[in-house]
Amino acid sequence: MSEIRFNGTVDHLAVKTDDMLRDVEEYKKLGFSVETVYEDWAMMRDSNGFGMALLPPESKHPAHLGLKVATLEELNEAASKENRPIKPHRDGTSSFYTKGIGDNVIEVIYYPEDYGKID
């Protein structure tokens, strides 16, 4: 059996969109709520916490599968195994992108304990 690269829980799917704001409204009709909207991506969540990241044409983010790890230590360990740098994001998360299966991309992401809490 081959060595496990990293473990994570499916957190979100990031898809390309030609009209992000239109698609935000369409996902709302499917029961998703808005978590974050920036000019270059939006994150929607369903009632179970599953995310749909919407990536307009000007987004620098690739289409990908997002896997969440529970701790910053797990993120550091996974990044080290993959030989990838960790990038902190404006929403407070940290992550790295790596090769998935086939031509697909995986983002390994960590949400800090205070993520989404308003002071």
PDB file of N, CA and C in Angstrom:
ATOM      1  N   MET A   1       0.847  -1.181   0.000  1.00  0.00           N
ATOM      2  CA  MET A   1       0.000   0.000   0.000  1.00  0.00           C
ATOM      3  C   MET A   1       0.886   1.236   0.000  1.00  0.00           C
ATOM      4  N   SER A   2       0.511   2.215  -0.802  1.00  0.00           N
ATOM      5  CA  SER A   2       1.324   3.419  -0.894  1.00  0.00           C
ATOM      6  C   SER A   2       1.064   4.344   0.295  1.00  0.00           C
ATOM      7  N   GLU A   3       2.021   5.222   0.531  1.00  0.00           N
ATOM      8  CA  GLU A   3       1.930   6.169   1.640  1.00  0.00           C
ATOM      9  C   GLU A   3       0.827   7.196   1.372  1.00  0.00           C
ATOM     10  N   ILE A   4       0.070   7.525   2.400  1.00  0.00           N
ATOM     11  CA  ILE A   4      -0.974   8.533   2.292  1.00  0.00           C
ATOM     12  C   ILE A   4      -0.311   9.901   2.224  1.00  0.00           C
ATOM     13  N   ARG A   5      -0.681  10.687   1.217  1.00  0.00           N
ATOM     14  CA  ARG A   5      -0.102  12.017   1.041  1.00  0.00           C
ATOM     15  C   ARG A   5      -0.565  12.963   2.142  1.00  0.00           C
ATOM     16  N   PHE A   6      -1.871  12.973   2.390  1.00  0.00           N
ATOM     17  CA  PHE A   6      -2.452  13.796   3.452  1.00  0.00           C
ATOM     18  C   PHE A   6      -3.898  13.373   3.627  1.00  0.00           C
ATOM     19  N   ASN A   7      -4.476  13.722   4.758  1.00  0.00           N
ATOM     20  CA  ASN A   7      -5.882  13.456   5.043  1.00  0.00           C
ATOM     21  C   ASN A   7      -6.617  14.779   5.124  1.00  0.00           C
ATOM     22  N   GLY A   8      -7.847  14.773   4.726  1.00  0.00           N
ATOM     23  CA  GLY A   8      -8.675  15.962   4.836  1.00  0.00           C
ATOM     24  C   GLY A   8     -10.123  15.603   4.614  1.00  0.00           C
ATOM     25  N   THR A   9     -10.996  16.507   4.974  1.00  0.00           N
ATOM     26  CA  THR A   9     -12.427  16.360   4.769  1.00  0.00           C
ATOM     27  C   THR A   9     -12.829  17.238   3.597  1.00  0.00           C
ATOM     28  N   VAL A  10     -13.684  16.726   2.724  1.00  0.00           N
ATOM     29  CA  VAL A  10     -14.128  17.548   1.599  1.00  0.00           C
ATOM     30  C   VAL A  10     -14.830  18.777   2.152  1.00  0.00           C
ATOM     31  N   ASP A  11     -14.344  19.943   1.755  1.00  0.00           N
ATOM     32  CA  ASP A  11     -14.862  21.218   2.244  1.00  0.00           C
ATOM     33  C   ASP A  11     -15.612  21.978   1.161  1.00  0.00           C
ATOM     34  N   HIS A  12     -15.047  22.022  -0.043  1.00  0.00           N
ATOM     35  CA  HIS A  12     -15.683  22.785  -1.103  1.00  0.00           C
ATOM     36  C   HIS A  12     -15.227  22.316  -2.479  1.00  0.00           C
ATOM     37  N   LEU A  13     -16.022  22.721  -3.453  1.00  0.00           N
ATOM     38  CA  LEU A  13     -15.701  22.520  -4.849  1.00  0.00           C
ATOM     39  C   LEU A  13     -15.648  23.905  -5.477  1.00  0.00           C
ATOM     40  N   ALA A  14     -14.570  24.212  -6.182  1.00  0.00           N
ATOM     41  CA  ALA A  14     -14.413  25.519  -6.832  1.00  0.00           C
ATOM     42  C   ALA A  14     -14.619  25.338  -8.333  1.00  0.00           C
ATOM     43  N   VAL A  15     -15.571  26.100  -8.874  1.00  0.00           N
ATOM     44  CA  VAL A  15     -15.923  25.975 -10.284  1.00  0.00           C
ATOM     45  C   VAL A  15     -15.834  27.336 -10.976  1.00  0.00           C
ATOM     46  N   LYS A  16     -15.543  27.291 -12.258  1.00  0.00           N
ATOM     47  CA  LYS A  16     -15.490  28.504 -13.075  1.00  0.00           C
ATOM     48  C   LYS A  16     -16.913  28.978 -13.371  1.00  0.00           C
ATOM     49  N   THR A  17     -17.088  30.290 -13.470  1.00  0.00           N
ATOM     50  CA  THR A  17     -18.369  30.880 -13.824  1.00  0.00           C
ATOM     51  C   THR A  17     -18.123  32.082 -14.728  1.00  0.00           C
ATOM     52  N   ASP A  18     -19.007  32.300 -15.675  1.00  0.00           N
ATOM     53  CA  ASP A  18     -18.860  33.479 -16.533  1.00  0.00           C
ATOM     54  C   ASP A  18     -19.618  34.680 -15.979  1.00  0.00           C
ATOM     55  N   ASP A  19     -20.441  34.463 -14.930  1.00  0.00           N
ATOM     56  CA  ASP A  19     -21.172  35.555 -14.288  1.00  0.00           C
ATOM     57  C   ASP A  19     -21.344  35.211 -12.813  1.00  0.00           C
ATOM     58  N   MET A  20     -20.373  35.589 -12.015  1.00  0.00           N
ATOM     59  CA  MET A  20     -20.340  35.188 -10.609  1.00  0.00           C
ATOM     60  C   MET A  20     -21.562  35.680  -9.835  1.00  0.00           C
ATOM     61  N   LEU A  21     -21.926  36.941  -9.975  1.00  0.00           N
ATOM     62  CA  LEU A  21     -23.035  37.481  -9.188  1.00  0.00           C
ATOM     63  C   LEU A  21     -24.364  36.826  -9.568  1.00  0.00           C
ATOM     64  N   ARG A  22     -24.554  36.528 -10.829  1.00  0.00           N
ATOM     65  CA  ARG A  22     -25.747  35.787 -11.254  1.00  0.00           C
ATOM     66  C   ARG A  22     -25.772  34.415 -10.592  1.00  0.00           C
ATOM     67  N   ASP A  23     -24.612  33.723 -10.612  1.00  0.00           N
ATOM     68  CA  ASP A  23     -24.558  32.380 -10.056  1.00  0.00           C
ATOM     69  C   ASP A  23     -24.703  32.379  -8.538  1.00  0.00           C
ATOM     70  N   VAL A  24     -24.239  33.424  -7.860  1.00  0.00           N
ATOM     71  CA  VAL A  24     -24.486  33.557  -6.419  1.00  0.00           C
ATOM     72  C   VAL A  24     -25.990  33.514  -6.173  1.00  0.00           C
ATOM     73  N   GLU A  25     -26.739  34.265  -6.957  1.00  0.00           N
ATOM     74  CA  GLU A  25     -28.200  34.296  -6.789  1.00  0.00           C
ATOM     75  C   GLU A  25     -28.825  32.931  -7.087  1.00  0.00           C
ATOM     76  N   GLU A  26     -28.295  32.230  -8.087  1.00  0.00           N
ATOM     77  CA  GLU A  26     -28.819  30.899  -8.420  1.00  0.00           C
ATOM     78  C   GLU A  26     -28.536  29.895  -7.304  1.00  0.00           C
ATOM     79  N   TYR A  27     -27.345  29.948  -6.707  1.00  0.00           N
ATOM     80  CA  TYR A  27     -27.039  29.041  -5.596  1.00  0.00           C
ATOM     81  C   TYR A  27     -27.905  29.347  -4.372  1.00  0.00           C
ATOM     82  N   LYS A  28     -28.269  30.598  -4.169  1.00  0.00           N
ATOM     83  CA  LYS A  28     -29.190  30.943  -3.083  1.00  0.00           C
ATOM     84  C   LYS A  28     -30.521  30.218  -3.273  1.00  0.00           C
ATOM     85  N   LYS A  29     -30.966  30.103  -4.524  1.00  0.00           N
ATOM     86  CA  LYS A  29     -32.221  29.405  -4.832  1.00  0.00           C
ATOM     87  C   LYS A  29     -32.133  27.910  -4.543  1.00  0.00           C
ATOM     88  N   LEU A  30     -30.909  27.400  -4.442  1.00  0.00           N
ATOM     89  CA  LEU A  30     -30.685  25.987  -4.094  1.00  0.00           C
ATOM     90  C   LEU A  30     -30.453  25.803  -2.594  1.00  0.00           C
ATOM     91  N   GLY A  31     -30.625  26.883  -1.815  1.00  0.00           N
ATOM     92  CA  GLY A  31     -30.479  26.793  -0.372  1.00  0.00           C
ATOM     93  C   GLY A  31     -29.101  27.140   0.150  1.00  0.00           C
ATOM     94  N   PHE A  32     -28.201  27.589  -0.715  1.00  0.00           N
ATOM     95  CA  PHE A  32     -26.868  27.995  -0.273  1.00  0.00           C
ATOM     96  C   PHE A  32     -26.937  29.412   0.293  1.00  0.00           C
ATOM     97  N   SER A  33     -26.078  29.692   1.258  1.00  0.00           N
ATOM     98  CA  SER A  33     -25.971  31.052   1.776  1.00  0.00           C
ATOM     99  C   SER A  33     -24.599  31.608   1.402  1.00  0.00           C
ATOM    100  N   VAL A  34     -24.515  32.931   1.375  1.00  0.00           N
ATOM    101  CA  VAL A  34     -23.269  33.599   1.006  1.00  0.00           C
ATOM    102  C   VAL A  34     -22.357  33.635   2.226  1.00  0.00           C
ATOM    103  N   GLU A  35     -21.147  33.134   2.069  1.00  0.00           N
ATOM    104  CA  GLU A  35     -20.133  33.241   3.119  1.00  0.00           C
ATOM    105  C   GLU A  35     -19.218  34.416   2.837  1.00  0.00           C
ATOM    106  N   THR A  36     -18.756  34.514   1.588  1.00  0.00           N
ATOM    107  CA  THR A  36     -17.799  35.548   1.194  1.00  0.00           C
ATOM    108  C   THR A  36     -18.005  35.889  -0.276  1.00  0.00           C
ATOM    109  N   VAL A  37     -17.922  37.164  -0.591  1.00  0.00           N
ATOM    110  CA  VAL A  37     -17.908  37.589  -1.993  1.00  0.00           C
ATOM    111  C   VAL A  37     -16.796  38.625  -2.147  1.00  0.00           C
ATOM    112  N   TYR A  38     -15.849  38.321  -3.004  1.00  0.00           N
ATOM    113  CA  TYR A  38     -14.806  39.252  -3.412  1.00  0.00           C
ATOM    114  C   TYR A  38     -14.951  39.453  -4.912  1.00  0.00           C
ATOM    115  N   GLU A  39     -14.156  40.337  -5.484  1.00  0.00           N
ATOM    116  CA  GLU A  39     -14.242  40.566  -6.923  1.00  0.00           C
ATOM    117  C   GLU A  39     -13.764  39.368  -7.727  1.00  0.00           C
ATOM    118  N   ASP A  40     -12.918  38.515  -7.135  1.00  0.00           N
ATOM    119  CA  ASP A  40     -12.347  37.402  -7.891  1.00  0.00           C
ATOM    120  C   ASP A  40     -12.775  36.016  -7.411  1.00  0.00           C
ATOM    121  N   TRP A  41     -13.675  35.929  -6.442  1.00  0.00           N
ATOM    122  CA  TRP A  41     -14.274  34.648  -6.044  1.00  0.00           C
ATOM    123  C   TRP A  41     -15.365  34.876  -5.009  1.00  0.00           C
ATOM    124  N   ALA A  42     -16.261  33.904  -4.945  1.00  0.00           N
ATOM    125  CA  ALA A  42     -17.322  33.917  -3.935  1.00  0.00           C
ATOM    126  C   ALA A  42     -17.408  32.526  -3.337  1.00  0.00           C
ATOM    127  N   MET A  43     -17.732  32.456  -2.042  1.00  0.00           N
ATOM    128  CA  MET A  43     -17.926  31.164  -1.379  1.00  0.00           C
ATOM    129  C   MET A  43     -19.354  31.094  -0.877  1.00  0.00           C
ATOM    130  N   MET A  44     -20.032  30.035  -1.272  1.00  0.00           N
ATOM    131  CA  MET A  44     -21.395  29.749  -0.845  1.00  0.00           C
ATOM    132  C   MET A  44     -21.345  28.480   0.007  1.00  0.00           C
ATOM    133  N   ARG A  45     -22.253  28.361   0.990  1.00  0.00           N
ATOM    134  CA  ARG A  45     -22.311  27.155   1.829  1.00  0.00           C
ATOM    135  C   ARG A  45     -23.738  26.632   1.881  1.00  0.00           C
ATOM    136  N   ASP A  46     -23.870  25.304   1.844  1.00  0.00           N
ATOM    137  CA  ASP A  46     -25.190  24.722   2.040  1.00  0.00           C
ATOM    138  C   ASP A  46     -25.430  24.523   3.536  1.00  0.00           C
ATOM    139  N   SER A  47     -26.586  23.992   3.901  1.00  0.00           N
ATOM    140  CA  SER A  47     -26.942  23.852   5.316  1.00  0.00           C
ATOM    141  C   SER A  47     -26.075  22.843   6.055  1.00  0.00           C
ATOM    142  N   ASN A  48     -25.341  21.999   5.333  1.00  0.00           N
ATOM    143  CA  ASN A  48     -24.420  21.042   5.953  1.00  0.00           C
ATOM    144  C   ASN A  48     -22.989  21.555   6.022  1.00  0.00           C
ATOM    145  N   GLY A  49     -22.759  22.762   5.497  1.00  0.00           N
ATOM    146  CA  GLY A  49     -21.424  23.346   5.530  1.00  0.00           C
ATOM    147  C   GLY A  49     -20.595  23.101   4.285  1.00  0.00           C
ATOM    148  N   PHE A  50     -21.155  22.385   3.295  1.00  0.00           N
ATOM    149  CA  PHE A  50     -20.419  22.158   2.051  1.00  0.00           C
ATOM    150  C   PHE A  50     -20.355  23.445   1.255  1.00  0.00           C
ATOM    151  N   GLY A  51     -19.192  23.752   0.706  1.00  0.00           N
ATOM    152  CA  GLY A  51     -18.997  25.001  -0.017  1.00  0.00           C
ATOM    153  C   GLY A  51     -18.910  24.849  -1.517  1.00  0.00           C
ATOM    154  N   MET A  52     -19.432  25.870  -2.198  1.00  0.00           N
ATOM    155  CA  MET A  52     -19.253  26.030  -3.637  1.00  0.00           C
ATOM    156  C   MET A  52     -18.529  27.356  -3.825  1.00  0.00           C
ATOM    157  N   ALA A  53     -17.299  27.288  -4.314  1.00  0.00           N
ATOM    158  CA  ALA A  53     -16.545  28.500  -4.612  1.00  0.00           C
ATOM    159  C   ALA A  53     -16.766  28.811  -6.088  1.00  0.00           C
ATOM    160  N   LEU A  54     -17.147  30.052  -6.358  1.00  0.00           N
ATOM    161  CA  LEU A  54     -17.421  30.488  -7.722  1.00  0.00           C
ATOM    162  C   LEU A  54     -16.279  31.367  -8.205  1.00  0.00           C
ATOM    163  N   LEU A  55     -15.703  31.005  -9.348  1.00  0.00           N
ATOM    164  CA  LEU A  55     -14.509  31.656  -9.869  1.00  0.00           C
ATOM    165  C   LEU A  55     -14.802  32.325 -11.196  1.00  0.00           C
ATOM    166  N   PRO A  56     -14.892  33.664 -11.219  1.00  0.00           N
ATOM    167  CA  PRO A  56     -15.138  34.361 -12.475  1.00  0.00           C
ATOM    168  C   PRO A  56     -13.889  34.325 -13.372  1.00  0.00           C
ATOM    169  N   PRO A  57     -14.037  34.731 -14.633  1.00  0.00           N
ATOM    170  CA  PRO A  57     -12.904  34.662 -15.569  1.00  0.00           C
ATOM    171  C   PRO A  57     -11.639  35.361 -15.068  1.00  0.00           C
ATOM    172  N   GLU A  58     -11.779  36.463 -14.308  1.00  0.00           N
ATOM    173  CA  GLU A  58     -10.591  37.185 -13.836  1.00  0.00           C
ATOM    174  C   GLU A  58      -9.967  36.591 -12.569  1.00  0.00           C
ATOM    175  N   SER A  59     -10.531  35.506 -12.055  1.00  0.00           N
ATOM    176  CA  SER A  59      -9.990  34.882 -10.842  1.00  0.00           C
ATOM    177  C   SER A  59      -8.643  34.239 -11.110  1.00  0.00           C
ATOM    178  N   LYS A  60      -7.735  34.381 -10.150  1.00  0.00           N
ATOM    179  CA  LYS A  60      -6.419  33.729 -10.238  1.00  0.00           C
ATOM    180  C   LYS A  60      -6.481  32.302  -9.698  1.00  0.00           C
ATOM    181  N   HIS A  61      -7.596  31.950  -9.043  1.00  0.00           N
ATOM    182  CA  HIS A  61      -7.739  30.621  -8.455  1.00  0.00           C
ATOM    183  C   HIS A  61      -8.085  29.592  -9.534  1.00  0.00           C
ATOM    184  N   PRO A  62      -7.496  28.410  -9.467  1.00  0.00           N
ATOM    185  CA  PRO A  62      -7.878  27.365 -10.417  1.00  0.00           C
ATOM    186  C   PRO A  62      -9.145  26.650  -9.930  1.00  0.00           C
ATOM    187  N   ALA A  63      -9.864  26.026 -10.844  1.00  0.00           N
ATOM    188  CA  ALA A  63     -10.941  25.127 -10.434  1.00  0.00           C
ATOM    189  C   ALA A  63     -10.291  24.020  -9.603  1.00  0.00           C
ATOM    190  N   HIS A  64     -10.944  23.608  -8.506  1.00  0.00           N
ATOM    191  CA  HIS A  64     -10.299  22.638  -7.620  1.00  0.00           C
ATOM    192  C   HIS A  64     -11.280  21.995  -6.651  1.00  0.00           C
ATOM    193  N   LEU A  65     -10.797  20.966  -5.970  1.00  0.00           N
ATOM    194  CA  LEU A  65     -11.482  20.327  -4.858  1.00  0.00           C
ATOM    195  C   LEU A  65     -10.779  20.790  -3.590  1.00  0.00           C
ATOM    196  N   GLY A  66     -11.530  21.332  -2.639  1.00  0.00           N
ATOM    197  CA  GLY A  66     -10.946  21.806  -1.385  1.00  0.00           C
ATOM    198  C   GLY A  66     -11.082  20.769  -0.287  1.00  0.00           C
ATOM    199  N   LEU A  67      -9.972  20.395   0.317  1.00  0.00           N
ATOM    200  CA  LEU A  67      -9.949  19.470   1.444  1.00  0.00           C
ATOM    201  C   LEU A  67      -9.502  20.221   2.686  1.00  0.00           C
ATOM    202  N   LYS A  68     -10.305  20.136   3.740  1.00  0.00           N
ATOM    203  CA  LYS A  68     -10.020  20.856   4.979  1.00  0.00           C
ATOM    204  C   LYS A  68      -9.277  19.956   5.957  1.00  0.00           C
ATOM    205  N   VAL A  69      -8.233  20.523   6.556  1.00  0.00           N
ATOM    206  CA  VAL A  69      -7.538  19.840   7.650  1.00  0.00           C
ATOM    207  C   VAL A  69      -7.908  20.539   8.955  1.00  0.00           C
ATOM    208  N   ALA A  70      -7.797  19.808  10.064  1.00  0.00           N
ATOM    209  CA  ALA A  70      -8.286  20.308  11.350  1.00  0.00           C
ATOM    210  C   ALA A  70      -7.331  21.255  12.056  1.00  0.00           C
ATOM    211  N   THR A  71      -6.036  21.124  11.792  1.00  0.00           N
ATOM    212  CA  THR A  71      -5.064  21.930  12.532  1.00  0.00           C
ATOM    213  C   THR A  71      -4.029  22.538  11.597  1.00  0.00           C
ATOM    214  N   LEU A  72      -3.414  23.610  12.071  1.00  0.00           N
ATOM    215  CA  LEU A  72      -2.329  24.227  11.322  1.00  0.00           C
ATOM    216  C   LEU A  72      -1.147  23.267  11.198  1.00  0.00           C
ATOM    217  N   GLU A  73      -0.945  22.442  12.209  1.00  0.00           N
ATOM    218  CA  GLU A  73       0.137  21.453  12.160  1.00  0.00           C
ATOM    219  C   GLU A  73      -0.092  20.462  11.013  1.00  0.00           C
ATOM    220  N   GLU A  74      -1.349  20.021  10.833  1.00  0.00           N
ATOM    221  CA  GLU A  74      -1.659  19.112   9.727  1.00  0.00           C
ATOM    222  C   GLU A  74      -1.398  19.787   8.381  1.00  0.00           C
ATOM    223  N   LEU A  75      -1.754  21.062   8.279  1.00  0.00           N
ATOM    224  CA  LEU A  75      -1.503  21.803   7.045  1.00  0.00           C
ATOM    225  C   LEU A  75      -0.005  21.884   6.772  1.00  0.00           C
ATOM    226  N   ASN A  76       0.774  22.220   7.794  1.00  0.00           N
ATOM    227  CA  ASN A  76       2.237  22.299   7.640  1.00  0.00           C
ATOM    228  C   ASN A  76       2.830  20.963   7.224  1.00  0.00           C
ATOM    229  N   GLU A  77       2.361  19.879   7.832  1.00  0.00           N
ATOM    230  CA  GLU A  77       2.873  18.545   7.509  1.00  0.00           C
ATOM    231  C   GLU A  77       2.534  18.170   6.064  1.00  0.00           C
ATOM    232  N   ALA A  78       1.287  18.443   5.654  1.00  0.00           N
ATOM    233  CA  ALA A  78       0.878  18.123   4.286  1.00  0.00           C
ATOM    234  C   ALA A  78       1.665  18.951   3.280  1.00  0.00           C
ATOM    235  N   ALA A  79       1.843  20.237   3.557  1.00  0.00           N
ATOM    236  CA  ALA A  79       2.592  21.111   2.650  1.00  0.00           C
ATOM    237  C   ALA A  79       4.034  20.649   2.527  1.00  0.00           C
ATOM    238  N   SER A  80       4.607  20.213   3.636  1.00  0.00           N
ATOM    239  CA  SER A  80       5.982  19.720   3.617  1.00  0.00           C
ATOM    240  C   SER A  80       6.101  18.464   2.747  1.00  0.00           C
ATOM    241  N   LYS A  81       5.159  17.533   2.894  1.00  0.00           N
ATOM    242  CA  LYS A  81       5.174  16.306   2.078  1.00  0.00           C
ATOM    243  C   LYS A  81       5.022  16.621   0.594  1.00  0.00           C
ATOM    244  N   GLU A  82       4.211  17.633   0.293  1.00  0.00           N
ATOM    245  CA  GLU A  82       3.945  18.005  -1.098  1.00  0.00           C
ATOM    246  C   GLU A  82       4.975  18.992  -1.644  1.00  0.00           C
ATOM    247  N   ASN A  83       5.874  19.458  -0.760  1.00  0.00           N
ATOM    248  CA  ASN A  83       6.880  20.444  -1.126  1.00  0.00           C
ATOM    249  C   ASN A  83       6.231  21.702  -1.712  1.00  0.00           C
ATOM    250  N   ARG A  84       5.213  22.213  -1.000  1.00  0.00           N
ATOM    251  CA  ARG A  84       4.443  23.381  -1.437  1.00  0.00           C
ATOM    252  C   ARG A  84       4.456  24.457  -0.367  1.00  0.00           C
ATOM    253  N   PRO A  85       4.486  25.718  -0.764  1.00  0.00           N
ATOM    254  CA  PRO A  85       4.403  26.804   0.218  1.00  0.00           C
ATOM    255  C   PRO A  85       2.951  27.019   0.663  1.00  0.00           C
ATOM    256  N   ILE A  86       2.785  27.405   1.907  1.00  0.00           N
ATOM    257  CA  ILE A  86       1.466  27.742   2.448  1.00  0.00           C
ATOM    258  C   ILE A  86       1.229  29.224   2.233  1.00  0.00           C
ATOM    259  N   LYS A  87       0.025  29.552   1.796  1.00  0.00           N
ATOM    260  CA  LYS A  87      -0.326  30.947   1.562  1.00  0.00           C
ATOM    261  C   LYS A  87      -1.448  31.351   2.513  1.00  0.00           C
ATOM    262  N   PRO A  88      -1.237  32.410   3.325  1.00  0.00           N
ATOM    263  CA  PRO A  88      -2.340  32.944   4.131  1.00  0.00           C
ATOM    264  C   PRO A  88      -3.259  33.759   3.221  1.00  0.00           C
ATOM    265  N   HIS A  89      -4.563  33.689   3.481  1.00  0.00           N
ATOM    266  CA  HIS A  89      -5.547  34.377   2.643  1.00  0.00           C
ATOM    267  C   HIS A  89      -6.221  35.512   3.394  1.00  0.00           C
ATOM    268  N   ARG A  90      -6.796  36.434   2.641  1.00  0.00           N
ATOM    269  CA  ARG A  90      -7.445  37.616   3.216  1.00  0.00           C
ATOM    270  C   ARG A  90      -8.642  37.274   4.093  1.00  0.00           C
ATOM    271  N   ASP A  91      -9.216  36.075   3.939  1.00  0.00           N
ATOM    272  CA  ASP A  91     -10.356  35.701   4.777  1.00  0.00           C
ATOM    273  C   ASP A  91      -9.934  35.008   6.076  1.00  0.00           C
ATOM    274  N   GLY A  92      -8.621  34.904   6.309  1.00  0.00           N
ATOM    275  CA  GLY A  92      -8.115  34.302   7.541  1.00  0.00           C
ATOM    276  C   GLY A  92      -7.702  32.847   7.419  1.00  0.00           C
ATOM    277  N   THR A  93      -8.038  32.207   6.302  1.00  0.00           N
ATOM    278  CA  THR A  93      -7.637  30.822   6.098  1.00  0.00           C
ATOM    279  C   THR A  93      -6.197  30.776   5.585  1.00  0.00           C
ATOM    280  N   SER A  94      -5.629  29.580   5.571  1.00  0.00           N
ATOM    281  CA  SER A  94      -4.314  29.335   4.971  1.00  0.00           C
ATOM    282  C   SER A  94      -4.432  28.046   4.168  1.00  0.00           C
ATOM    283  N   SER A  95      -3.715  27.989   3.044  1.00  0.00           N
ATOM    284  CA  SER A  95      -3.829  26.797   2.206  1.00  0.00           C
ATOM    285  C   SER A  95      -2.658  26.678   1.248  1.00  0.00           C
ATOM    286  N   PHE A  96      -2.670  25.569   0.530  1.00  0.00           N
ATOM    287  CA  PHE A  96      -1.776  25.399  -0.613  1.00  0.00           C
ATOM    288  C   PHE A  96      -2.496  24.564  -1.659  1.00  0.00           C
ATOM    289  N   TYR A  97      -2.100  24.757  -2.908  1.00  0.00           N
ATOM    290  CA  TYR A  97      -2.626  23.966  -4.013  1.00  0.00           C
ATOM    291  C   TYR A  97      -1.608  22.896  -4.360  1.00  0.00           C
ATOM    292  N   THR A  98      -2.125  21.739  -4.796  1.00  0.00           N
ATOM    293  CA  THR A  98      -1.238  20.661  -5.193  1.00  0.00           C
ATOM    294  C   THR A  98      -1.919  19.805  -6.251  1.00  0.00           C
ATOM    295  N   LYS A  99      -1.141  18.913  -6.830  1.00  0.00           N
ATOM    296  CA  LYS A  99      -1.654  18.028  -7.871  1.00  0.00           C
ATOM    297  C   LYS A  99      -2.673  17.069  -7.276  1.00  0.00           C
ATOM    298  N   GLY A 100      -3.792  16.971  -7.953  1.00  0.00           N
ATOM    299  CA  GLY A 100      -4.829  16.030  -7.548  1.00  0.00           C
ATOM    300  C   GLY A 100      -4.733  14.765  -8.378  1.00  0.00           C
ATOM    301  N   ILE A 101      -5.869  14.190  -8.667  1.00  0.00           N
ATOM    302  CA  ILE A 101      -5.945  12.975  -9.471  1.00  0.00           C
ATOM    303  C   ILE A 101      -6.263  13.389 -10.905  1.00  0.00           C
ATOM    304  N   GLY A 102      -5.549  12.823 -11.854  1.00  0.00           N
ATOM    305  CA  GLY A 102      -5.710  13.249 -13.236  1.00  0.00           C
ATOM    306  C   GLY A 102      -5.174  14.658 -13.382  1.00  0.00           C
ATOM    307  N   ASP A 103      -5.897  15.487 -14.078  1.00  0.00           N
ATOM    308  CA  ASP A 103      -5.477  16.876 -14.278  1.00  0.00           C
ATOM    309  C   ASP A 103      -6.144  17.822 -13.283  1.00  0.00           C
ATOM    310  N   ASN A 104      -6.735  17.289 -12.242  1.00  0.00           N
ATOM    311  CA  ASN A 104      -7.451  18.106 -11.265  1.00  0.00           C
ATOM    312  C   ASN A 104      -6.522  18.659 -10.195  1.00  0.00           C
ATOM    313  N   VAL A 105      -6.917  19.781  -9.620  1.00  0.00           N
ATOM    314  CA  VAL A 105      -6.147  20.465  -8.583  1.00  0.00           C
ATOM    315  C   VAL A 105      -6.841  20.251  -7.241  1.00  0.00           C
ATOM    316  N   ILE A 106      -6.047  20.106  -6.188  1.00  0.00           N
ATOM    317  CA  ILE A 106      -6.566  20.015  -4.822  1.00  0.00           C
ATOM    318  C   ILE A 106      -6.023  21.192  -4.035  1.00  0.00           C
ATOM    319  N   GLU A 107      -6.894  21.815  -3.272  1.00  0.00           N
ATOM    320  CA  GLU A 107      -6.473  22.830  -2.305  1.00  0.00           C
ATOM    321  C   GLU A 107      -6.603  22.199  -0.925  1.00  0.00           C
ATOM    322  N   VAL A 108      -5.539  22.215  -0.160  1.00  0.00           N
ATOM    323  CA  VAL A 108      -5.583  21.769   1.237  1.00  0.00           C
ATOM    324  C   VAL A 108      -5.668  23.041   2.061  1.00  0.00           C
ATOM    325  N   ILE A 109      -6.737  23.156   2.866  1.00  0.00           N
ATOM    326  CA  ILE A 109      -7.048  24.412   3.531  1.00  0.00           C
ATOM    327  C   ILE A 109      -7.258  24.218   5.029  1.00  0.00           C
ATOM    328  N   TYR A 110      -6.844  25.227   5.780  1.00  0.00           N
ATOM    329  CA  TYR A 110      -7.029  25.259   7.227  1.00  0.00           C
ATOM    330  C   TYR A 110      -7.839  26.495   7.589  1.00  0.00           C
ATOM    331  N   TYR A 111      -8.889  26.295   8.376  1.00  0.00           N
ATOM    332  CA  TYR A 111      -9.706  27.393   8.896  1.00  0.00           C
ATOM    333  C   TYR A 111      -9.341  27.580  10.364  1.00  0.00           C
ATOM    334  N   PRO A 112      -8.855  28.752  10.764  1.00  0.00           N
ATOM    335  CA  PRO A 112      -8.516  28.958  12.178  1.00  0.00           C
ATOM    336  C   PRO A 112      -9.777  28.885  13.048  1.00  0.00           C
ATOM    337  N   GLU A 113      -9.560  28.619  14.312  1.00  0.00           N
ATOM    338  CA  GLU A 113     -10.669  28.441  15.251  1.00  0.00           C
ATOM    339  C   GLU A 113     -11.630  29.625  15.260  1.00  0.00           C
ATOM    340  N   ASP A 114     -11.119  30.834  15.069  1.00  0.00           N
ATOM    341  CA  ASP A 114     -11.963  32.032  15.111  1.00  0.00           C
ATOM    342  C   ASP A 114     -12.496  32.428  13.734  1.00  0.00           C
ATOM    343  N   TYR A 115     -12.387  31.549  12.733  1.00  0.00           N
ATOM    344  CA  TYR A 115     -12.844  31.858  11.387  1.00  0.00           C
ATOM    345  C   TYR A 115     -14.341  32.184  11.392  1.00  0.00           C
ATOM    346  N   GLY A 116     -14.679  33.294  10.760  1.00  0.00           N
ATOM    347  CA  GLY A 116     -16.078  33.670  10.621  1.00  0.00           C
ATOM    348  C   GLY A 116     -16.699  34.332  11.826  1.00  0.00           C
ATOM    349  N   LYS A 117     -15.951  34.450  12.917  1.00  0.00           N
ATOM    350  CA  LYS A 117     -16.478  35.116  14.107  1.00  0.00           C
ATOM    351  C   LYS A 117     -16.246  36.614  14.003  1.00  0.00           C
ATOM    352  N   ILE A 118     -17.264  37.382  14.293  1.00  0.00           N
ATOM    353  CA  ILE A 118     -17.173  38.839  14.240  1.00  0.00           C
ATOM    354  C   ILE A 118     -16.920  39.356  15.639  1.00  0.00           C
ATOM    355  N   ASP A 119     -15.917  40.252  15.749  1.00  0.00           N
ATOM    356  CA  ASP A 119     -15.595  40.827  17.066  1.00  0.00           C
ATOM    357  C   ASP A 119     -16.621  41.838  17.495  1.00  0.00           C
TER     358      ASP A 119
END
